Amino acid sequence: MESLQSQFDAAAQAAMNLPARPDNETMLRLYALFKQAKSGDASGNRPGMFDMVGRAKFDAWAALKGMPPEEAMQAYIDLVHSLNN
């Protein structure tokens, strides 16, 4: 059976070639799960109010605070799989 890391890597590649672009909320969820899986809890300063995209991405990532990386990987894999079907 494939390791969680190899499944995650395959899902990251698959996310680049989705049949249709997901809505913004789903894109933020993908971003946040990926960052949580790779980097752990959000760090650094929250972007300023004029950087709306950066701020939304940071907030989505920060909302996952405390989620273990393995759980984030599995959630990312499941989300990408659901978007491909």
PDB file of N, CA and C in Angstrom:
ATOM      1  N   MET A   1       0.841  -1.188   0.000  1.00  0.00           N
ATOM      2  CA  MET A   1       0.000   0.000   0.000  1.00  0.00           C
ATOM      3  C   MET A   1       0.886   1.251   0.000  1.00  0.00           C
ATOM      4  N   GLU A   2       0.457   2.253  -0.734  1.00  0.00           N
ATOM      5  CA  GLU A   2       1.220   3.495  -0.827  1.00  0.00           C
ATOM      6  C   GLU A   2       1.282   4.210   0.512  1.00  0.00           C
ATOM      7  N   SER A   3       2.405   4.834   0.762  1.00  0.00           N
ATOM      8  CA  SER A   3       2.534   5.616   1.990  1.00  0.00           C
ATOM      9  C   SER A   3       1.675   6.873   1.877  1.00  0.00           C
ATOM     10  N   LEU A   4       1.352   7.435   3.032  1.00  0.00           N
ATOM     11  CA  LEU A   4       0.558   8.655   3.061  1.00  0.00           C
ATOM     12  C   LEU A   4       1.270   9.771   2.303  1.00  0.00           C
ATOM     13  N   GLN A   5       2.590   9.866   2.472  1.00  0.00           N
ATOM     14  CA  GLN A   5       3.365  10.908   1.792  1.00  0.00           C
ATOM     15  C   GLN A   5       3.289  10.753   0.275  1.00  0.00           C
ATOM     16  N   SER A   6       3.403   9.535  -0.231  1.00  0.00           N
ATOM     17  CA  SER A   6       3.349   9.353  -1.684  1.00  0.00           C
ATOM     18  C   SER A   6       1.940   9.616  -2.216  1.00  0.00           C
ATOM     19  N   GLN A   7       0.916   9.274  -1.440  1.00  0.00           N
ATOM     20  CA  GLN A   7      -0.460   9.587  -1.837  1.00  0.00           C
ATOM     21  C   GLN A   7      -0.666  11.108  -1.871  1.00  0.00           C
ATOM     22  N   PHE A   8      -0.098  11.791  -0.876  1.00  0.00           N
ATOM     23  CA  PHE A   8      -0.194  13.251  -0.797  1.00  0.00           C
ATOM     24  C   PHE A   8       0.499  13.889  -1.997  1.00  0.00           C
ATOM     25  N   ASP A   9       1.694  13.407  -2.318  1.00  0.00           N
ATOM     26  CA  ASP A   9       2.437  13.937  -3.465  1.00  0.00           C
ATOM     27  C   ASP A   9       1.657  13.726  -4.760  1.00  0.00           C
ATOM     28  N   ALA A  10       1.035  12.557  -4.906  1.00  0.00           N
ATOM     29  CA  ALA A  10       0.236  12.276  -6.099  1.00  0.00           C
ATOM     30  C   ALA A  10      -0.988  13.188  -6.152  1.00  0.00           C
ATOM     31  N   ALA A  11      -1.601  13.437  -5.003  1.00  0.00           N
ATOM     32  CA  ALA A  11      -2.765  14.326  -4.949  1.00  0.00           C
ATOM     33  C   ALA A  11      -2.365  15.753  -5.299  1.00  0.00           C
ATOM     34  N   ALA A  12      -1.190  16.183  -4.852  1.00  0.00           N
ATOM     35  CA  ALA A  12      -0.711  17.525  -5.173  1.00  0.00           C
ATOM     36  C   ALA A  12      -0.526  17.671  -6.684  1.00  0.00           C
ATOM     37  N   GLN A  13      -0.021  16.638  -7.329  1.00  0.00           N
ATOM     38  CA  GLN A  13       0.124  16.664  -8.791  1.00  0.00           C
ATOM     39  C   GLN A  13      -1.244  16.669  -9.459  1.00  0.00           C
ATOM     40  N   ALA A  14      -2.157  15.853  -8.950  1.00  0.00           N
ATOM     41  CA  ALA A  14      -3.500  15.771  -9.523  1.00  0.00           C
ATOM     42  C   ALA A  14      -4.245  17.095  -9.372  1.00  0.00           C
ATOM     43  N   ALA A  15      -3.982  17.813  -8.291  1.00  0.00           N
ATOM     44  CA  ALA A  15      -4.651  19.097  -8.051  1.00  0.00           C
ATOM     45  C   ALA A  15      -4.277  20.121  -9.121  1.00  0.00           C
ATOM     46  N   MET A  16      -3.115  19.960  -9.721  1.00  0.00           N
ATOM     47  CA  MET A  16      -2.690  20.879 -10.778  1.00  0.00           C
ATOM     48  C   MET A  16      -3.439  20.635 -12.090  1.00  0.00           C
ATOM     49  N   ASN A  17      -4.058  19.459 -12.207  1.00  0.00           N
ATOM     50  CA  ASN A  17      -4.718  19.077 -13.461  1.00  0.00           C
ATOM     51  C   ASN A  17      -6.181  18.713 -13.250  1.00  0.00           C
ATOM     52  N   LEU A  18      -6.865  19.445 -12.386  1.00  0.00           N
ATOM     53  CA  LEU A  18      -8.280  19.169 -12.135  1.00  0.00           C
ATOM     54  C   LEU A  18      -9.090  19.438 -13.400  1.00  0.00           C
ATOM     55  N   PRO A  19     -10.176  18.684 -13.599  1.00  0.00           N
ATOM     56  CA  PRO A  19     -10.987  18.878 -14.806  1.00  0.00           C
ATOM     57  C   PRO A  19     -11.625  20.269 -14.882  1.00  0.00           C
ATOM     58  N   ALA A  20     -11.927  20.865 -13.741  1.00  0.00           N
ATOM     59  CA  ALA A  20     -12.509  22.206 -13.702  1.00  0.00           C
ATOM     60  C   ALA A  20     -11.920  22.947 -12.509  1.00  0.00           C
ATOM     61  N   ARG A  21     -11.811  24.266 -12.633  1.00  0.00           N
ATOM     62  CA  ARG A  21     -11.285  25.061 -11.520  1.00  0.00           C
ATOM     63  C   ARG A  21     -12.329  25.095 -10.413  1.00  0.00           C
ATOM     64  N   PRO A  22     -11.938  24.688  -9.193  1.00  0.00           N
ATOM     65  CA  PRO A  22     -12.887  24.729  -8.075  1.00  0.00           C
ATOM     66  C   PRO A  22     -13.245  26.175  -7.698  1.00  0.00           C
ATOM     67  N   ASP A  23     -14.332  26.319  -6.956  1.00  0.00           N
ATOM     68  CA  ASP A  23     -14.721  27.646  -6.493  1.00  0.00           C
ATOM     69  C   ASP A  23     -13.671  28.162  -5.505  1.00  0.00           C
ATOM     70  N   ASN A  24     -13.733  29.445  -5.195  1.00  0.00           N
ATOM     71  CA  ASN A  24     -12.720  30.071  -4.347  1.00  0.00           C
ATOM     72  C   ASN A  24     -12.643  29.445  -2.961  1.00  0.00           C
ATOM     73  N   GLU A  25     -13.779  29.083  -2.386  1.00  0.00           N
ATOM     74  CA  GLU A  25     -13.778  28.479  -1.057  1.00  0.00           C
ATOM     75  C   GLU A  25     -13.030  27.145  -1.065  1.00  0.00           C
ATOM     76  N   THR A  26     -13.239  26.351  -2.103  1.00  0.00           N
ATOM     77  CA  THR A  26     -12.551  25.071  -2.223  1.00  0.00           C
ATOM     78  C   THR A  26     -11.065  25.285  -2.468  1.00  0.00           C
ATOM     79  N   MET A  27     -10.727  26.293  -3.265  1.00  0.00           N
ATOM     80  CA  MET A  27      -9.318  26.609  -3.503  1.00  0.00           C
ATOM     81  C   MET A  27      -8.622  26.995  -2.193  1.00  0.00           C
ATOM     82  N   LEU A  28      -9.307  27.789  -1.363  1.00  0.00           N
ATOM     83  CA  LEU A  28      -8.734  28.156  -0.063  1.00  0.00           C
ATOM     84  C   LEU A  28      -8.559  26.930   0.814  1.00  0.00           C
ATOM     85  N   ARG A  29      -9.511  26.016   0.771  1.00  0.00           N
ATOM     86  CA  ARG A  29      -9.425  24.784   1.569  1.00  0.00           C
ATOM     87  C   ARG A  29      -8.227  23.944   1.096  1.00  0.00           C
ATOM     88  N   LEU A  30      -8.059  23.818  -0.200  1.00  0.00           N
ATOM     89  CA  LEU A  30      -6.905  23.084  -0.741  1.00  0.00           C
ATOM     90  C   LEU A  30      -5.600  23.715  -0.268  1.00  0.00           C
ATOM     91  N   TYR A  31      -5.518  25.042  -0.396  1.00  0.00           N
ATOM     92  CA  TYR A  31      -4.316  25.772   0.020  1.00  0.00           C
ATOM     93  C   TYR A  31      -4.028  25.533   1.499  1.00  0.00           C
ATOM     94  N   ALA A  32      -5.053  25.705   2.329  1.00  0.00           N
ATOM     95  CA  ALA A  32      -4.871  25.591   3.776  1.00  0.00           C
ATOM     96  C   ALA A  32      -4.449  24.181   4.181  1.00  0.00           C
ATOM     97  N   LEU A  33      -5.080  23.177   3.607  1.00  0.00           N
ATOM     98  CA  LEU A  33      -4.709  21.798   3.937  1.00  0.00           C
ATOM     99  C   LEU A  33      -3.282  21.492   3.486  1.00  0.00           C
ATOM    100  N   PHE A  34      -2.918  21.973   2.300  1.00  0.00           N
ATOM    101  CA  PHE A  34      -1.564  21.751   1.802  1.00  0.00           C
ATOM    102  C   PHE A  34      -0.542  22.394   2.734  1.00  0.00           C
ATOM    103  N   LYS A  35      -0.769  23.657   3.096  1.00  0.00           N
ATOM    104  CA  LYS A  35       0.157  24.359   3.979  1.00  0.00           C
ATOM    105  C   LYS A  35       0.242  23.702   5.355  1.00  0.00           C
ATOM    106  N   GLN A  36      -0.898  23.270   5.891  1.00  0.00           N
ATOM    107  CA  GLN A  36      -0.903  22.627   7.202  1.00  0.00           C
ATOM    108  C   GLN A  36      -0.126  21.314   7.141  1.00  0.00           C
ATOM    109  N   ALA A  37      -0.294  20.580   6.051  1.00  0.00           N
ATOM    110  CA  ALA A  37       0.408  19.302   5.890  1.00  0.00           C
ATOM    111  C   ALA A  37       1.910  19.509   5.747  1.00  0.00           C
ATOM    112  N   LYS A  38       2.313  20.530   5.009  1.00  0.00           N
ATOM    113  CA  LYS A  38       3.731  20.751   4.734  1.00  0.00           C
ATOM    114  C   LYS A  38       4.450  21.558   5.806  1.00  0.00           C
ATOM    115  N   SER A  39       3.759  22.546   6.414  1.00  0.00           N
ATOM    116  CA  SER A  39       4.431  23.491   7.301  1.00  0.00           C
ATOM    117  C   SER A  39       3.911  23.508   8.728  1.00  0.00           C
ATOM    118  N   GLY A  40       2.831  22.813   9.003  1.00  0.00           N
ATOM    119  CA  GLY A  40       2.252  22.861  10.346  1.00  0.00           C
ATOM    120  C   GLY A  40       1.423  24.121  10.529  1.00  0.00           C
ATOM    121  N   ASP A  41       1.246  24.535  11.768  1.00  0.00           N
ATOM    122  CA  ASP A  41       0.402  25.685  12.078  1.00  0.00           C
ATOM    123  C   ASP A  41       0.906  26.957  11.400  1.00  0.00           C
ATOM    124  N   ALA A  42      -0.049  27.831  11.068  1.00  0.00           N
ATOM    125  CA  ALA A  42       0.265  29.102  10.414  1.00  0.00           C
ATOM    126  C   ALA A  42       1.261  29.895  11.249  1.00  0.00           C
ATOM    127  N   SER A  43       2.187  30.526  10.562  1.00  0.00           N
ATOM    128  CA  SER A  43       3.193  31.329  11.248  1.00  0.00           C
ATOM    129  C   SER A  43       3.381  32.630  10.480  1.00  0.00           C
ATOM    130  N   GLY A  44       4.044  33.562  11.099  1.00  0.00           N
ATOM    131  CA  GLY A  44       4.275  34.848  10.460  1.00  0.00           C
ATOM    132  C   GLY A  44       3.133  35.802  10.746  1.00  0.00           C
ATOM    133  N   ASN A  45       3.245  36.967  10.183  1.00  0.00           N
ATOM    134  CA  ASN A  45       2.236  37.995  10.379  1.00  0.00           C
ATOM    135  C   ASN A  45       1.104  37.847   9.388  1.00  0.00           C
ATOM    136  N   ARG A  46      -0.093  38.178   9.836  1.00  0.00           N
ATOM    137  CA  ARG A  46      -1.260  38.159   8.962  1.00  0.00           C
ATOM    138  C   ARG A  46      -1.109  39.318   7.975  1.00  0.00           C
ATOM    139  N   PRO A  47      -1.322  39.065   6.673  1.00  0.00           N
ATOM    140  CA  PRO A  47      -1.207  40.140   5.688  1.00  0.00           C
ATOM    141  C   PRO A  47      -2.165  41.294   5.995  1.00  0.00           C
ATOM    142  N   GLY A  48      -1.805  42.469   5.545  1.00  0.00           N
ATOM    143  CA  GLY A  48      -2.612  43.660   5.778  1.00  0.00           C
ATOM    144  C   GLY A  48      -3.930  43.634   5.022  1.00  0.00           C
ATOM    145  N   MET A  49      -4.786  44.577   5.371  1.00  0.00           N
ATOM    146  CA  MET A  49      -6.137  44.579   4.813  1.00  0.00           C
ATOM    147  C   MET A  49      -6.179  44.878   3.314  1.00  0.00           C
ATOM    148  N   PHE A  50      -5.110  45.408   2.746  1.00  0.00           N
ATOM    149  CA  PHE A  50      -5.092  45.668   1.308  1.00  0.00           C
ATOM    150  C   PHE A  50      -4.651  44.445   0.500  1.00  0.00           C
ATOM    151  N   ASP A  51      -4.147  43.436   1.172  1.00  0.00           N
ATOM    152  CA  ASP A  51      -3.779  42.166   0.519  1.00  0.00           C
ATOM    153  C   ASP A  51      -4.884  41.160   0.827  1.00  0.00           C
ATOM    154  N   MET A  52      -6.017  41.327   0.137  1.00  0.00           N
ATOM    155  CA  MET A  52      -7.190  40.506   0.453  1.00  0.00           C
ATOM    156  C   MET A  52      -6.971  39.020   0.173  1.00  0.00           C
ATOM    157  N   VAL A  53      -6.286  38.719  -0.918  1.00  0.00           N
ATOM    158  CA  VAL A  53      -6.041  37.318  -1.253  1.00  0.00           C
ATOM    159  C   VAL A  53      -5.102  36.688  -0.222  1.00  0.00           C
ATOM    160  N   GLY A  54      -4.009  37.359   0.069  1.00  0.00           N
ATOM    161  CA  GLY A  54      -3.060  36.855   1.061  1.00  0.00           C
ATOM    162  C   GLY A  54      -3.696  36.686   2.419  1.00  0.00           C
ATOM    163  N   ARG A  55      -4.545  37.621   2.769  1.00  0.00           N
ATOM    164  CA  ARG A  55      -5.228  37.572   4.064  1.00  0.00           C
ATOM    165  C   ARG A  55      -6.194  36.390   4.126  1.00  0.00           C
ATOM    166  N   ALA A  56      -6.942  36.166   3.046  1.00  0.00           N
ATOM    167  CA  ALA A  56      -7.878  35.039   2.999  1.00  0.00           C
ATOM    168  C   ALA A  56      -7.134  33.714   3.087  1.00  0.00           C
ATOM    169  N   LYS A  57      -6.011  33.621   2.387  1.00  0.00           N
ATOM    170  CA  LYS A  57      -5.210  32.394   2.439  1.00  0.00           C
ATOM    171  C   LYS A  57      -4.656  32.161   3.842  1.00  0.00           C
ATOM    172  N   PHE A  58      -4.134  33.213   4.456  1.00  0.00           N
ATOM    173  CA  PHE A  58      -3.593  33.099   5.805  1.00  0.00           C
ATOM    174  C   PHE A  58      -4.690  32.679   6.785  1.00  0.00           C
ATOM    175  N   ASP A  59      -5.856  33.312   6.693  1.00  0.00           N
ATOM    176  CA  ASP A  59      -6.959  32.994   7.603  1.00  0.00           C
ATOM    177  C   ASP A  59      -7.431  31.551   7.442  1.00  0.00           C
ATOM    178  N   ALA A  60      -7.490  31.077   6.199  1.00  0.00           N
ATOM    179  CA  ALA A  60      -7.906  29.688   5.958  1.00  0.00           C
ATOM    180  C   ALA A  60      -6.902  28.721   6.582  1.00  0.00           C
ATOM    181  N   TRP A  61      -5.621  29.035   6.443  1.00  0.00           N
ATOM    182  CA  TRP A  61      -4.570  28.196   7.026  1.00  0.00           C
ATOM    183  C   TRP A  61      -4.618  28.262   8.549  1.00  0.00           C
ATOM    184  N   ALA A  62      -4.751  29.459   9.107  1.00  0.00           N
ATOM    185  CA  ALA A  62      -4.773  29.636  10.556  1.00  0.00           C
ATOM    186  C   ALA A  62      -5.966  28.924  11.195  1.00  0.00           C
ATOM    187  N   ALA A  63      -7.054  28.762  10.436  1.00  0.00           N
ATOM    188  CA  ALA A  63      -8.238  28.081  10.959  1.00  0.00           C
ATOM    189  C   ALA A  63      -7.971  26.602  11.242  1.00  0.00           C
ATOM    190  N   LEU A  64      -6.905  26.064  10.664  1.00  0.00           N
ATOM    191  CA  LEU A  64      -6.571  24.643  10.857  1.00  0.00           C
ATOM    192  C   LEU A  64      -5.571  24.426  11.996  1.00  0.00           C
ATOM    193  N   LYS A  65      -5.325  25.466  12.776  1.00  0.00           N
ATOM    194  CA  LYS A  65      -4.345  25.381  13.867  1.00  0.00           C
ATOM    195  C   LYS A  65      -4.611  24.156  14.735  1.00  0.00           C
ATOM    196  N   GLY A  66      -3.554  23.395  14.988  1.00  0.00           N
ATOM    197  CA  GLY A  66      -3.650  22.215  15.832  1.00  0.00           C
ATOM    198  C   GLY A  66      -3.925  20.921  15.075  1.00  0.00           C
ATOM    199  N   MET A  67      -4.284  21.016  13.798  1.00  0.00           N
ATOM    200  CA  MET A  67      -4.531  19.803  13.008  1.00  0.00           C
ATOM    201  C   MET A  67      -3.192  19.127  12.729  1.00  0.00           C
ATOM    202  N   PRO A  68      -3.077  17.841  13.070  1.00  0.00           N
ATOM    203  CA  PRO A  68      -1.819  17.137  12.792  1.00  0.00           C
ATOM    204  C   PRO A  68      -1.538  17.073  11.285  1.00  0.00           C
ATOM    205  N   PRO A  69      -0.274  17.147  10.886  1.00  0.00           N
ATOM    206  CA  PRO A  69       0.063  17.104   9.455  1.00  0.00           C
ATOM    207  C   PRO A  69      -0.494  15.873   8.735  1.00  0.00           C
ATOM    208  N   GLU A  70      -0.490  14.730   9.398  1.00  0.00           N
ATOM    209  CA  GLU A  70      -1.001  13.512   8.757  1.00  0.00           C
ATOM    210  C   GLU A  70      -2.495  13.635   8.468  1.00  0.00           C
ATOM    211  N   GLU A  71      -3.231  14.242   9.389  1.00  0.00           N
ATOM    212  CA  GLU A  71      -4.670  14.445   9.192  1.00  0.00           C
ATOM    213  C   GLU A  71      -4.910  15.428   8.051  1.00  0.00           C
ATOM    214  N   ALA A  72      -4.094  16.470   7.975  1.00  0.00           N
ATOM    215  CA  ALA A  72      -4.207  17.442   6.888  1.00  0.00           C
ATOM    216  C   ALA A  72      -3.891  16.787   5.547  1.00  0.00           C
ATOM    217  N   MET A  73      -2.885  15.929   5.519  1.00  0.00           N
ATOM    218  CA  MET A  73      -2.546  15.213   4.282  1.00  0.00           C
ATOM    219  C   MET A  73      -3.730  14.379   3.816  1.00  0.00           C
ATOM    220  N   GLN A  74      -4.323  13.616   4.736  1.00  0.00           N
ATOM    221  CA  GLN A  74      -5.437  12.746   4.373  1.00  0.00           C
ATOM    222  C   GLN A  74      -6.633  13.564   3.899  1.00  0.00           C
ATOM    223  N   ALA A  75      -6.926  14.675   4.565  1.00  0.00           N
ATOM    224  CA  ALA A  75      -8.043  15.532   4.157  1.00  0.00           C
ATOM    225  C   ALA A  75      -7.783  16.121   2.774  1.00  0.00           C
ATOM    226  N   TYR A  76      -6.540  16.493   2.501  1.00  0.00           N
ATOM    227  CA  TYR A  76      -6.161  17.035   1.188  1.00  0.00           C
ATOM    228  C   TYR A  76      -6.351  15.963   0.114  1.00  0.00           C
ATOM    229  N   ILE A  77      -5.867  14.770   0.385  1.00  0.00           N
ATOM    230  CA  ILE A  77      -6.007  13.649  -0.562  1.00  0.00           C
ATOM    231  C   ILE A  77      -7.484  13.404  -0.858  1.00  0.00           C
ATOM    232  N   ASP A  78      -8.292  13.358   0.196  1.00  0.00           N
ATOM    233  CA  ASP A  78      -9.733  13.098   0.017  1.00  0.00           C
ATOM    234  C   ASP A  78     -10.404  14.206  -0.785  1.00  0.00           C
ATOM    235  N   LEU A  79     -10.037  15.457  -0.520  1.00  0.00           N
ATOM    236  CA  LEU A  79     -10.644  16.577  -1.241  1.00  0.00           C
ATOM    237  C   LEU A  79     -10.257  16.549  -2.709  1.00  0.00           C
ATOM    238  N   VAL A  80      -9.000  16.338  -3.013  1.00  0.00           N
ATOM    239  CA  VAL A  80      -8.570  16.265  -4.417  1.00  0.00           C
ATOM    240  C   VAL A  80      -9.254  15.106  -5.123  1.00  0.00           C
ATOM    241  N   HIS A  81      -9.361  13.976  -4.442  1.00  0.00           N
ATOM    242  CA  HIS A  81     -10.040  12.806  -5.038  1.00  0.00           C
ATOM    243  C   HIS A  81     -11.493  13.147  -5.349  1.00  0.00           C
ATOM    244  N   SER A  82     -12.180  13.831  -4.440  1.00  0.00           N
ATOM    245  CA  SER A  82     -13.585  14.179  -4.672  1.00  0.00           C
ATOM    246  C   SER A  82     -13.728  15.157  -5.842  1.00  0.00           C
ATOM    247  N   LEU A  83     -12.735  16.026  -6.038  1.00  0.00           N
ATOM    248  CA  LEU A  83     -12.793  16.985  -7.140  1.00  0.00           C
ATOM    249  C   LEU A  83     -12.500  16.346  -8.489  1.00  0.00           C
ATOM    250  N   ASN A  84     -11.826  15.215  -8.471  1.00  0.00           N
ATOM    251  CA  ASN A  84     -11.500  14.511  -9.721  1.00  0.00           C
ATOM    252  C   ASN A  84     -12.607  13.572 -10.157  1.00  0.00           C
ATOM    253  N   ASN A  85     -13.594  13.380  -9.317  1.00  0.00           N
ATOM    254  CA  ASN A  85     -14.689  12.448  -9.660  1.00  0.00           C
ATOM    255  C   ASN A  85     -15.988  13.175  -9.915  1.00  0.00           C
TER     256      ASN A  85
END
